[in-house]
């Protein structure tokens, strides 16, 4: 553990307060008093569509990491619903909460049982509320700033992880080494909680995070970003290595599927420092964006942010395959990435294109009618000795792979394949 980092975190003067109320006007004098003394106050006041506001409020709590949360209940018991929601989310369960509610002993006892530090009955005394809040600020601030590990999963907390990331990012820049972030979001967490209950769901999260921790190298670390999201910081790993790491993790966590009788997987996003990204937080946001965009295509996959894939509009690609659907898909994909793309389904046409155009890369199937793979590769190199060649084939036996690579192919990928993997193989060849 880095003692210097702990010292820096202790020195931070976190003075954030989050207030939830559907009648914020009644708290105006209290809020003005706090702001006059330099406290940062964040207000959440919407009571409509609790499901939609949940993400917004949880994000505020995780991002601002308040020292105190104040919840003002109303006649519809919206405050109680909100309190239960943030307790179930888990990442901020140890932040002190002051609850404002009506005179009802049963409600008061329930709220205190749920973990509120205090319950002030309406009409409450503003001065009493103000003094109690400020006292708790000092306690909460010291606790939050010294909280290194997430209480449940025992990976780093978000606050500590973000502070540590800042230092590691600076060090990577100075050393001119890769800096990559892998963000992952558990796919079926809500189903696990629904089927097995919250207690078993918490046990799953512990087992899940133990698997994550066991696969880290010495310089790598992980922190819990929010309830179901985790951030891996992978200094020294490039995008390709992060993709391989993600695939390995997917395989490891899938072993929990039999135990829970539910498919266990995650959707992941990768972003790497590309020389222009301004800070480590932007890289994390890119990785998280990749998860959101990727889930539109399906779960249980890893997606890479476009900023991490170097496109080169000057490169010309020729794709040779009898599968017209595959040709159309790949042509569309790489045109959008800025390449000049040519396609054909036969050898003679391919030779004609290569003679007429300055082709930088050919992607070809292993089996082309009328000619063997080795002859195709040698004929292509006779036209352009610097030509890069990727064999993209359903032939998986070692003999076919050996034939292609011995003939001069630069890479061999078996079908079915990941388009992202092909992106990265192309990127690697063009470096």
Protein backbone atom coordinates (compact mmCIF):
# COMPACT_ATOMS: atom_id res chain seq x y z
CA UNK A 1 0.00 0.00 0.00
CA UNK A 2 1.31 3.44 -0.88
CA UNK A 3 1.80 5.51 2.29
CA UNK A 4 2.32 8.72 0.32
CA UNK A 5 -1.01 8.23 -1.40
CA UNK A 6 -2.73 7.63 1.94
CA UNK A 7 -1.24 10.87 3.21
CA UNK A 8 -2.52 12.77 0.19
CA UNK A 9 -6.01 11.36 0.65
CA UNK A 10 -6.04 12.27 4.35
CA UNK A 11 -5.13 15.81 3.41
CA UNK A 12 -8.13 16.17 1.09
CA UNK A 13 -10.85 18.33 2.63
CA UNK A 14 -13.92 16.50 1.43
CA UNK A 15 -16.91 18.65 2.45
CA UNK A 16 -19.72 17.27 0.31
CA UNK A 17 -23.31 16.85 1.46
CA UNK A 18 -26.08 15.23 -0.58
CA UNK A 19 -29.67 16.13 0.30
CA UNK A 20 -32.69 14.25 -0.98
CA UNK A 21 -36.04 16.03 -0.58
CA UNK A 22 -39.23 16.49 -2.58
CA UNK A 23 -39.82 19.81 -0.81
CA UNK A 24 -36.44 21.47 -0.90
CA UNK A 25 -37.92 24.90 -0.10
CA UNK A 26 -38.30 23.95 3.53
CA UNK A 27 -34.55 23.38 3.76
CA UNK A 28 -33.43 26.63 2.12
CA UNK A 29 -32.14 28.32 5.28
CA UNK A 30 -30.28 25.15 6.27
CA UNK A 31 -28.67 24.89 2.81
CA UNK A 32 -27.67 28.56 2.82
CA UNK A 33 -26.06 28.11 6.24
CA UNK A 34 -23.99 25.16 5.02
CA UNK A 35 -22.90 26.94 1.85
CA UNK A 36 -21.92 30.06 3.80
CA UNK A 37 -19.39 27.92 5.69
CA UNK A 38 -17.89 26.51 2.50
CA UNK A 39 -19.65 23.15 2.29
CA UNK A 40 -20.57 21.75 -1.12
CA UNK A 41 -24.27 20.83 -1.17
CA UNK A 42 -25.79 18.61 -3.87
CA UNK A 43 -29.57 18.35 -4.09
CA UNK A 44 -31.72 15.56 -5.50
CA UNK A 45 -35.39 16.43 -5.39
CA UNK A 46 -37.29 14.46 -8.05
CA UNK A 47 -39.81 11.92 -6.70
CA UNK A 48 -41.17 10.73 -10.03
CA UNK A 49 -40.04 7.53 -11.73
CA UNK A 50 -37.79 6.15 -9.00
CA UNK A 51 -36.36 3.56 -11.38
CA UNK A 52 -34.99 6.21 -13.75
CA UNK A 53 -33.73 8.56 -11.06
CA UNK A 54 -31.92 5.75 -9.26
CA UNK A 55 -29.01 5.73 -11.68
CA UNK A 56 -28.63 9.51 -11.44
CA UNK A 57 -28.69 9.59 -7.63
CA UNK A 58 -26.37 6.63 -7.18
CA UNK A 59 -23.94 8.22 -9.60
CA UNK A 60 -24.05 11.47 -7.60
CA UNK A 61 -23.33 9.60 -4.37
CA UNK A 62 -20.47 7.60 -5.86
CA UNK A 63 -18.95 10.57 -7.67
CA UNK A 64 -19.22 13.15 -4.88
CA UNK A 65 -18.52 10.65 -2.08
CA UNK A 66 -20.35 12.81 0.50
CA UNK A 67 -19.45 12.85 4.16
CA UNK A 68 -23.15 13.07 5.11
CA UNK A 69 -26.43 12.24 3.35
CA UNK A 70 -29.67 13.91 4.48
CA UNK A 71 -32.97 12.30 3.47
CA UNK A 72 -36.24 14.20 3.88
CA UNK A 73 -39.30 11.91 3.86
CA UNK A 74 -42.71 12.97 2.54
CA UNK A 75 -46.32 11.74 2.87
CA UNK A 76 -45.70 9.22 0.04
CA UNK A 77 -42.69 7.79 1.93
CA UNK A 78 -40.45 8.59 -1.04
CA UNK A 79 -37.55 9.18 1.35
CA UNK A 80 -37.89 5.68 2.80
CA UNK A 81 -37.85 4.18 -0.70
CA UNK A 82 -34.78 6.21 -1.56
CA UNK A 83 -32.98 5.19 1.65
CA UNK A 84 -33.61 1.49 0.97
CA UNK A 85 -32.42 1.97 -2.59
CA UNK A 86 -29.03 3.41 -1.62
CA UNK A 87 -28.62 0.77 1.08
CA UNK A 88 -29.20 -2.03 -1.44
CA UNK A 89 -26.78 -0.47 -3.92
CA UNK A 90 -24.00 -1.12 -1.44
CA UNK A 91 -21.07 1.10 -2.31
CA UNK A 92 -22.06 3.98 0.00
CA UNK A 93 -23.69 2.03 2.81
CA UNK A 94 -21.27 3.37 5.46
CA UNK A 95 -21.87 7.08 4.82
CA UNK A 96 -23.70 8.68 7.80
CA UNK A 97 -27.37 9.39 7.07
CA UNK A 98 -29.65 11.84 8.88
CA UNK A 99 -33.31 11.11 8.26
CA UNK A 100 -36.03 13.77 8.50
CA UNK A 101 -39.50 12.31 9.04
CA UNK A 102 -42.90 12.64 10.65
CA UNK A 103 -43.63 11.69 14.24
CA UNK A 104 -44.18 7.95 13.90
CA UNK A 105 -42.37 5.60 16.27
CA UNK A 106 -42.63 2.60 13.94
CA UNK A 107 -41.14 4.50 11.01
CA UNK A 108 -38.43 5.93 13.25
CA UNK A 109 -37.45 2.48 14.52
CA UNK A 110 -37.38 1.08 10.97
CA UNK A 111 -35.14 3.88 9.73
CA UNK A 112 -32.73 3.48 12.64
CA UNK A 113 -32.70 -0.28 12.06
CA UNK A 114 -31.77 0.36 8.42
CA UNK A 115 -28.73 2.28 9.61
CA UNK A 116 -29.58 5.99 9.82
CA UNK A 117 -27.34 7.78 12.32
CA UNK A 118 -30.22 9.99 13.50
CA UNK A 119 -33.94 10.61 12.98
CA UNK A 120 -35.24 14.17 13.42
CA UNK A 121 -39.01 14.52 13.69
CA UNK A 122 -40.87 17.24 11.82
CA UNK A 123 -41.09 20.09 12.54
CA UNK A 124 -37.37 19.88 13.26
CA UNK A 125 -35.12 22.62 14.60
CA UNK A 126 -32.91 24.01 11.83
CA UNK A 127 -30.10 24.86 14.26
CA UNK A 128 -30.11 21.33 15.68
CA UNK A 129 -30.04 19.88 12.16
CA UNK A 130 -27.20 22.20 11.17
CA UNK A 131 -25.07 21.37 14.23
CA UNK A 132 -25.58 17.63 13.92
CA UNK A 133 -24.73 17.74 10.22
CA UNK A 134 -21.49 19.66 10.81
CA UNK A 135 -20.45 17.30 13.60
CA UNK A 136 -21.06 14.31 11.37
CA UNK A 137 -19.15 16.01 8.55
CA UNK A 138 -15.96 15.82 10.57
CA UNK A 139 -16.53 12.16 11.43
CA UNK A 140 -17.66 11.23 7.94
CA UNK A 141 -14.81 13.09 6.26
CA UNK A 142 -12.16 11.25 8.26
CA UNK A 143 -13.85 7.93 7.61
CA UNK A 144 -14.28 8.43 3.87
CA UNK A 145 -10.76 9.71 3.31
CA UNK A 146 -9.24 6.76 5.13
CA UNK A 147 -11.49 4.16 3.55
CA UNK A 148 -9.21 2.24 1.23
CA UNK A 149 -11.21 -0.90 0.54
CA UNK A 150 -14.80 -1.42 -0.52
CA UNK A 151 -16.59 -2.88 2.50
CA UNK A 152 -18.23 -5.79 0.71
CA UNK A 153 -15.84 -6.88 -2.03
CA UNK A 154 -12.52 -5.84 -0.46
CA UNK A 155 -11.24 -4.43 -3.74
CA UNK A 156 -10.21 -0.78 -3.63
CA UNK A 157 -12.97 1.75 -3.05
CA UNK A 158 -13.79 4.14 -5.86
CA UNK A 159 -12.32 7.12 -4.03
CA UNK A 160 -9.03 5.38 -3.34
CA UNK A 161 -8.95 3.76 -6.79
CA UNK A 162 -9.40 7.08 -8.57
CA UNK A 163 -6.72 8.74 -6.45
CA UNK A 164 -4.31 5.87 -7.06
CA UNK A 165 -5.11 5.90 -10.81
CA UNK A 166 -4.04 9.53 -11.01
CA UNK A 167 -0.57 8.69 -9.72
CA UNK A 168 -0.17 5.61 -11.89
CA UNK A 169 -1.28 7.53 -14.98
CA UNK A 170 1.37 10.20 -14.35
CA UNK A 171 4.03 7.55 -13.82
CA UNK A 172 3.08 5.77 -17.06
CA UNK A 173 3.37 9.04 -18.98
CA UNK A 174 6.81 9.72 -17.53
CA UNK A 175 7.98 6.19 -18.29
CA UNK A 176 6.28 6.29 -21.72
CA UNK A 177 4.64 2.92 -21.05
CA UNK A 178 1.08 1.83 -21.98
CA UNK A 179 -1.83 2.71 -19.71
CA UNK A 180 -5.07 0.83 -20.28
CA UNK A 181 -8.37 0.66 -18.42
CA UNK A 182 -10.75 -2.30 -18.53
CA UNK A 183 -14.24 -1.53 -17.19
CA UNK A 184 -16.65 -4.39 -16.61
CA UNK A 185 -20.33 -4.59 -15.76
CA UNK A 186 -21.84 -7.83 -14.38
CA UNK A 187 -24.60 -8.92 -16.77
CA UNK A 188 -27.05 -10.77 -14.52
CA UNK A 189 -26.65 -9.19 -11.08
CA UNK A 190 -30.29 -8.15 -10.81
CA UNK A 191 -31.40 -11.68 -11.67
CA UNK A 192 -29.11 -13.17 -9.01
CA UNK A 193 -30.51 -10.83 -6.36
CA UNK A 194 -34.07 -11.56 -7.49
CA UNK A 195 -33.69 -15.34 -7.50
CA UNK A 196 -31.41 -15.85 -4.49
CA UNK A 197 -31.96 -12.70 -2.42
CA UNK A 198 -29.68 -9.84 -1.46
CA UNK A 199 -27.63 -11.85 1.05
CA UNK A 200 -26.70 -14.50 -1.52
CA UNK A 201 -26.13 -11.75 -4.07
CA UNK A 202 -23.58 -10.14 -1.74
CA UNK A 203 -21.87 -13.52 -1.36
CA UNK A 204 -21.70 -13.79 -5.15
CA UNK A 205 -20.10 -10.35 -5.38
CA UNK A 206 -17.41 -11.45 -2.93
CA UNK A 207 -16.68 -14.61 -4.93
CA UNK A 208 -16.73 -12.65 -8.19
CA UNK A 209 -14.28 -10.04 -6.92
CA UNK A 210 -11.98 -12.70 -5.48
CA UNK A 211 -11.65 -14.15 -8.98
CA UNK A 212 -10.86 -10.70 -10.34
CA UNK A 213 -8.17 -10.05 -7.71
CA UNK A 214 -6.47 -13.40 -8.23
CA UNK A 215 -5.69 -12.60 -11.87
CA UNK A 216 -3.92 -9.27 -11.34
CA UNK A 217 -0.22 -8.71 -11.91
CA UNK A 218 1.87 -6.78 -9.41
CA UNK A 219 1.33 -3.25 -10.81
CA UNK A 220 -2.32 -3.77 -11.72
CA UNK A 221 -5.25 -3.02 -9.45
CA UNK A 222 -9.02 -2.95 -9.37
CA UNK A 223 -11.64 -0.78 -7.71
CA UNK A 224 -15.41 -0.90 -7.42
CA UNK A 225 -16.84 1.92 -9.48
CA UNK A 226 -20.47 1.33 -8.47
CA UNK A 227 -22.74 -1.58 -7.51
CA UNK A 228 -22.09 -3.89 -10.49
CA UNK A 229 -19.25 -2.06 -12.22
CA UNK A 230 -15.54 -2.59 -11.61
CA UNK A 231 -12.53 -0.80 -13.06
CA UNK A 232 -9.24 -2.56 -13.81
CA UNK A 233 -6.21 -0.30 -14.18
CA UNK A 234 -3.63 -2.13 -16.28
CA UNK A 235 -0.37 -0.14 -16.48
CA UNK A 236 2.04 -1.70 -18.94
CA UNK A 237 -0.67 -3.50 -20.92
CA UNK A 238 -1.71 -2.35 -24.39
CA UNK A 239 -5.17 -2.75 -25.91
CA UNK A 240 -4.49 -6.19 -27.36
CA UNK A 241 -3.17 -7.48 -24.03
CA UNK A 242 -6.17 -5.99 -22.22
CA UNK A 243 -8.49 -7.80 -24.63
CA UNK A 244 -6.72 -11.10 -23.92
CA UNK A 245 -6.96 -10.36 -20.19
CA UNK A 246 -10.69 -9.71 -20.50
CA UNK A 247 -11.21 -12.97 -22.36
CA UNK A 248 -9.35 -14.84 -19.63
CA UNK A 249 -11.46 -13.18 -16.93
CA UNK A 250 -14.65 -14.04 -18.82
CA UNK A 251 -13.59 -17.69 -18.81
CA UNK A 252 -12.78 -17.62 -15.09
CA UNK A 253 -16.01 -15.98 -13.91
CA UNK A 254 -18.10 -18.29 -16.11
CA UNK A 255 -17.11 -21.10 -13.73
CA UNK A 256 -19.58 -19.62 -11.24
CA UNK A 257 -22.47 -20.38 -13.61
CA UNK A 258 -22.92 -23.97 -12.45
CA UNK A 259 -22.86 -22.90 -8.81
CA UNK A 260 -25.68 -20.36 -9.29
CA UNK A 261 -27.48 -22.13 -12.15
CA UNK A 262 -27.50 -18.80 -14.02
CA UNK A 263 -25.20 -17.71 -16.81
CA UNK A 264 -22.48 -15.62 -15.17
CA UNK A 265 -20.74 -13.16 -17.44
CA UNK A 266 -19.82 -9.53 -17.81
CA UNK A 267 -19.77 -6.92 -20.53
CA UNK A 268 -16.50 -5.00 -20.71
CA UNK A 269 -15.09 -1.85 -22.28
CA UNK A 270 -11.44 -1.07 -23.00
CA UNK A 271 -9.77 2.31 -23.42
CA UNK A 272 -6.07 3.10 -23.62
CA UNK A 273 -4.02 6.27 -23.41
CA UNK A 274 -3.50 7.40 -27.00
CA UNK A 275 -1.10 10.28 -26.41
CA UNK A 276 -3.76 13.01 -26.37
CA UNK A 277 -6.29 11.98 -23.70
CA UNK A 278 -6.09 14.68 -21.04
CA UNK A 279 -6.37 12.57 -17.90
CA UNK A 280 -7.09 9.14 -16.45
CA UNK A 281 -10.75 9.97 -15.73
CA UNK A 282 -11.39 10.49 -19.43
CA UNK A 283 -9.96 7.06 -20.18
CA UNK A 284 -12.32 5.51 -17.61
CA UNK A 285 -15.26 7.37 -19.15
CA UNK A 286 -14.29 6.04 -22.60
CA UNK A 287 -14.21 2.47 -21.23
CA UNK A 288 -17.63 2.91 -19.61
CA UNK A 289 -19.03 4.43 -22.82
CA UNK A 290 -17.85 1.34 -24.69
CA UNK A 291 -19.89 -0.85 -22.34
CA UNK A 292 -23.04 1.21 -22.95
CA UNK A 293 -22.53 1.26 -26.71
CA UNK A 294 -21.57 -2.38 -26.83
CA UNK A 295 -24.63 -3.61 -24.96
CA UNK A 296 -26.71 -2.46 -27.89
CA UNK A 297 -25.16 -5.38 -29.79
CA UNK A 298 -25.32 -7.89 -26.94
CA UNK A 299 -23.87 -8.79 -23.57
CA UNK A 300 -20.95 -11.02 -22.51
CA UNK A 301 -18.53 -9.27 -24.84
CA UNK A 302 -15.63 -6.86 -24.70
CA UNK A 303 -15.77 -3.61 -26.65
CA UNK A 304 -12.94 -1.21 -27.41
CA UNK A 305 -13.33 2.55 -27.57
CA UNK A 306 -12.48 3.99 -30.98
CA UNK A 307 -9.88 6.32 -29.44
CA UNK A 308 -7.83 3.21 -28.63
CA UNK A 309 -7.79 1.90 -32.18
CA UNK A 310 -5.48 3.74 -34.53
CA UNK A 311 -7.10 4.27 -37.90
CA UNK A 312 -5.05 5.04 -41.00
CA UNK A 313 -6.97 6.44 -43.95
CA UNK A 314 -4.00 5.93 -46.28
CA UNK A 315 -3.99 2.15 -45.98
CA UNK A 316 -5.58 0.02 -48.70
CA UNK A 317 -7.13 -3.34 -47.84
CA UNK A 318 -8.12 -6.14 -50.21
CA UNK A 319 -10.51 -8.79 -48.88
CA UNK A 320 -10.68 -12.11 -50.75
CA UNK A 321 -13.46 -14.55 -49.83
CA UNK A 322 -16.30 -16.46 -51.48
CA UNK A 323 -18.72 -15.44 -48.71
CA UNK A 324 -20.47 -12.37 -50.15
CA UNK A 325 -22.13 -11.53 -46.82
CA UNK A 326 -18.77 -11.51 -45.04
CA UNK A 327 -17.29 -9.33 -47.78
CA UNK A 328 -20.12 -6.80 -47.38
CA UNK A 329 -19.82 -6.71 -43.57
CA UNK A 330 -16.04 -6.27 -43.54
CA UNK A 331 -16.05 -3.75 -46.36
CA UNK A 332 -18.61 -1.58 -44.55
CA UNK A 333 -16.73 -1.89 -41.26
CA UNK A 334 -13.34 -0.81 -42.62
CA UNK A 335 -14.65 1.91 -44.89
CA UNK A 336 -16.16 3.46 -41.75
CA UNK A 337 -12.76 3.20 -40.10
CA UNK A 338 -11.19 5.24 -42.88
CA UNK A 339 -9.55 2.55 -45.02
CA UNK A 340 -9.80 2.16 -48.78
CA UNK A 341 -11.38 -1.28 -49.18
CA UNK A 342 -11.50 -3.59 -52.21
CA UNK A 343 -13.28 -6.96 -52.28
CA UNK A 344 -13.27 -9.95 -54.60
CA UNK A 345 -14.22 -13.63 -54.56
CA UNK A 346 -11.58 -15.05 -56.92
CA UNK A 347 -7.82 -15.20 -57.43
CA UNK A 348 -7.61 -13.58 -60.90
CA UNK A 349 -9.58 -10.52 -59.81
CA UNK A 350 -7.41 -10.23 -56.67
CA UNK A 351 -4.21 -10.23 -58.75
CA UNK A 352 -5.70 -7.58 -61.02
CA UNK A 353 -6.55 -5.31 -58.06
CA UNK A 354 -3.08 -5.74 -56.55
CA UNK A 355 -1.44 -4.92 -59.86
CA UNK A 356 -3.54 -1.79 -60.27
CA UNK A 357 -3.68 -0.55 -56.65
CA UNK A 358 -1.09 -0.14 -53.93
CA UNK A 359 -2.54 -2.73 -51.54
CA UNK A 360 -1.11 -2.67 -48.02
CA UNK A 361 -3.02 -5.63 -46.58
CA UNK A 362 -4.86 -8.61 -47.98
CA UNK A 363 -7.34 -10.55 -45.86
CA UNK A 364 -7.98 -13.90 -47.53
CA UNK A 365 -9.74 -17.16 -46.89
CA UNK A 366 -7.52 -20.27 -46.77
CA UNK A 367 -9.55 -22.03 -49.47
CA UNK A 368 -9.80 -20.14 -52.79
CA UNK A 369 -11.04 -22.13 -55.85
CA UNK A 370 -8.35 -22.95 -58.38
CA UNK A 371 -5.31 -22.13 -56.21
CA UNK A 372 -3.80 -23.20 -52.91
CA UNK A 373 -3.27 -20.83 -50.02
CA UNK A 374 0.53 -21.03 -50.26
CA UNK A 375 0.50 -20.19 -53.97
CA UNK A 376 -1.85 -17.26 -53.36
CA UNK A 377 0.44 -15.82 -50.69
CA UNK A 378 3.58 -16.23 -52.83
CA UNK A 379 1.88 -14.68 -55.88
CA UNK A 380 0.74 -11.73 -53.78
CA UNK A 381 4.27 -11.15 -52.43
CA UNK A 382 5.63 -11.29 -55.98
CA UNK A 383 3.56 -8.19 -56.72
CA UNK A 384 4.26 -6.40 -53.42
CA UNK A 385 6.98 -7.74 -51.11
CA UNK A 386 5.91 -5.48 -48.22
CA UNK A 387 2.28 -6.62 -48.43
CA UNK A 388 0.79 -7.79 -45.13
CA UNK A 389 -1.38 -10.91 -45.26
CA UNK A 390 -3.98 -12.19 -42.81
CA UNK A 391 -5.53 -15.59 -43.45
CA UNK A 392 -9.11 -15.65 -42.18
CA UNK A 393 -10.32 -19.22 -42.34
CA UNK A 394 -12.62 -21.90 -40.94
CA UNK A 395 -9.72 -24.36 -41.27
CA UNK A 396 -8.54 -24.91 -37.69
CA UNK A 397 -6.08 -27.78 -38.00
CA UNK A 398 -2.41 -27.12 -37.34
CA UNK A 399 -1.33 -28.26 -40.82
CA UNK A 400 -3.31 -25.45 -42.51
CA UNK A 401 -1.96 -22.87 -40.08
CA UNK A 402 1.58 -24.10 -40.70
CA UNK A 403 1.14 -23.95 -44.50
CA UNK A 404 -0.11 -20.36 -44.38
CA UNK A 405 2.53 -19.04 -41.98
CA UNK A 406 5.40 -20.86 -43.70
CA UNK A 407 4.29 -19.41 -47.05
CA UNK A 408 4.60 -15.89 -45.61
CA UNK A 409 1.27 -15.00 -44.01
CA UNK A 410 1.62 -12.54 -41.15
CA UNK A 411 -1.34 -13.82 -39.15
CA UNK A 412 -3.96 -16.57 -39.11
CA UNK A 413 -7.42 -16.15 -37.55
CA UNK A 414 -10.00 -18.92 -37.39
CA UNK A 415 -13.71 -18.43 -38.04
CA UNK A 416 -15.94 -17.57 -36.30
CA UNK A 417 -13.92 -14.56 -35.15
CA UNK A 418 -14.36 -11.35 -33.23
CA UNK A 419 -14.39 -8.23 -35.46
CA UNK A 420 -12.66 -6.38 -32.64
CA UNK A 421 -9.89 -8.98 -32.64
CA UNK A 422 -9.45 -8.49 -36.37
CA UNK A 423 -9.30 -4.70 -35.81
CA UNK A 424 -6.47 -5.16 -33.35
CA UNK A 425 -4.55 -7.62 -35.52
CA UNK A 426 -4.72 -5.11 -38.38
CA UNK A 427 -3.63 -2.30 -36.10
CA UNK A 428 -0.66 -4.35 -34.93
CA UNK A 429 0.46 -5.09 -38.51
CA UNK A 430 0.29 -1.43 -39.50
CA UNK A 431 2.45 -0.19 -36.62
